[in-house]
Protein backbone atom coordinates (compact mmCIF):
# COMPACT_ATOMS: atom_id res chain seq x y z
CA MET A 1 33.05 -5.62 44.92
CA SER A 2 33.54 -9.12 46.26
CA PRO A 3 36.99 -10.73 46.19
CA ARG A 4 35.60 -13.56 44.05
CA ARG A 5 34.28 -11.14 41.43
CA LEU A 6 37.56 -9.21 41.47
CA LEU A 7 39.53 -12.43 40.97
CA ASP A 8 37.24 -13.51 38.10
CA GLY A 9 37.72 -10.13 36.42
CA LEU A 10 41.48 -10.33 36.82
CA ARG A 11 41.53 -13.88 35.43
CA TRP A 12 39.48 -12.76 32.40
CA TYR A 13 41.79 -9.79 31.77
CA VAL A 14 44.96 -11.90 31.96
CA SER A 15 43.40 -14.54 29.69
CA GLU A 16 42.53 -11.92 27.06
CA PHE A 17 45.90 -10.20 27.35
CA THR A 18 47.97 -13.38 26.99
CA GLY A 19 45.92 -14.78 24.09
CA GLU A 20 44.69 -17.80 26.03
CA ALA A 21 41.09 -16.74 25.41
CA GLU A 22 41.74 -16.65 21.65
CA TYR A 23 42.86 -20.28 21.74
CA ASP A 24 39.80 -21.23 23.80
CA ARG A 25 37.49 -19.56 21.26
CA TYR A 26 39.32 -21.33 18.42
CA CYS A 27 38.86 -24.71 20.14
CA GLU A 28 35.15 -24.08 20.57
CA ARG A 29 34.71 -23.12 16.89
CA HIS A 30 36.78 -26.14 15.85
CA ARG A 31 34.64 -28.51 17.93
CA GLN A 32 31.46 -27.11 16.40
CA ALA A 33 32.73 -27.17 12.81
CA HIS A 34 34.59 -30.49 13.01
CA PRO A 35 33.10 -32.59 15.82
CA GLN A 36 34.95 -35.77 14.81
CA ALA A 37 38.39 -34.19 14.36
CA PRO A 38 40.81 -33.87 17.27
CA VAL A 39 41.36 -30.36 18.59
CA PRO A 40 44.88 -29.06 17.90
CA THR A 41 47.13 -28.58 20.89
CA ARG A 42 48.11 -25.07 21.91
CA ARG A 43 51.48 -25.54 20.18
CA GLU A 44 49.83 -26.78 16.95
CA TYR A 45 47.43 -23.85 17.07
CA GLU A 46 50.29 -21.36 17.41
CA VAL A 47 52.07 -22.91 14.39
CA LEU A 48 48.87 -22.71 12.32
CA ARG A 49 48.27 -19.12 13.41
CA THR A 50 51.83 -18.09 12.56
CA ARG A 51 51.65 -19.71 9.12
CA HIS A 52 48.34 -17.98 8.45
CA GLN A 53 49.81 -14.60 9.42
CA GLU A 54 52.86 -15.14 7.22
CA LEU A 55 50.75 -16.10 4.19
CA ARG A 56 48.36 -13.18 4.66
CA PRO A 57 50.36 -10.29 6.07
CA GLY A 58 47.49 -7.78 5.75
CA SER A 59 48.46 -4.38 7.06
CA ARG A 60 51.68 -5.42 8.77
CA CYS A 61 54.63 -3.27 7.86
CA CYS A 62 57.23 -6.07 7.89
C-alpha cells in the first residue's frame, strides 16, 4: 500500500470519527436544497444539530 493511499485512508477515518464528514455532507445537501441561502458555519450547524436532538430524543435514555 502506498503512503499516499494510507494517508488518505487515515484522513477519511479521522474525518468520520470526529464528525467532520457529517458536517461536510450536511453542507452539500444544504447547497443542493437551498442554493441561494448561505451555508451555516460549523458552530451554527452544531447548535442546530443539538436542538434537533433535544426536541426529538428518539431512543436516548436521558
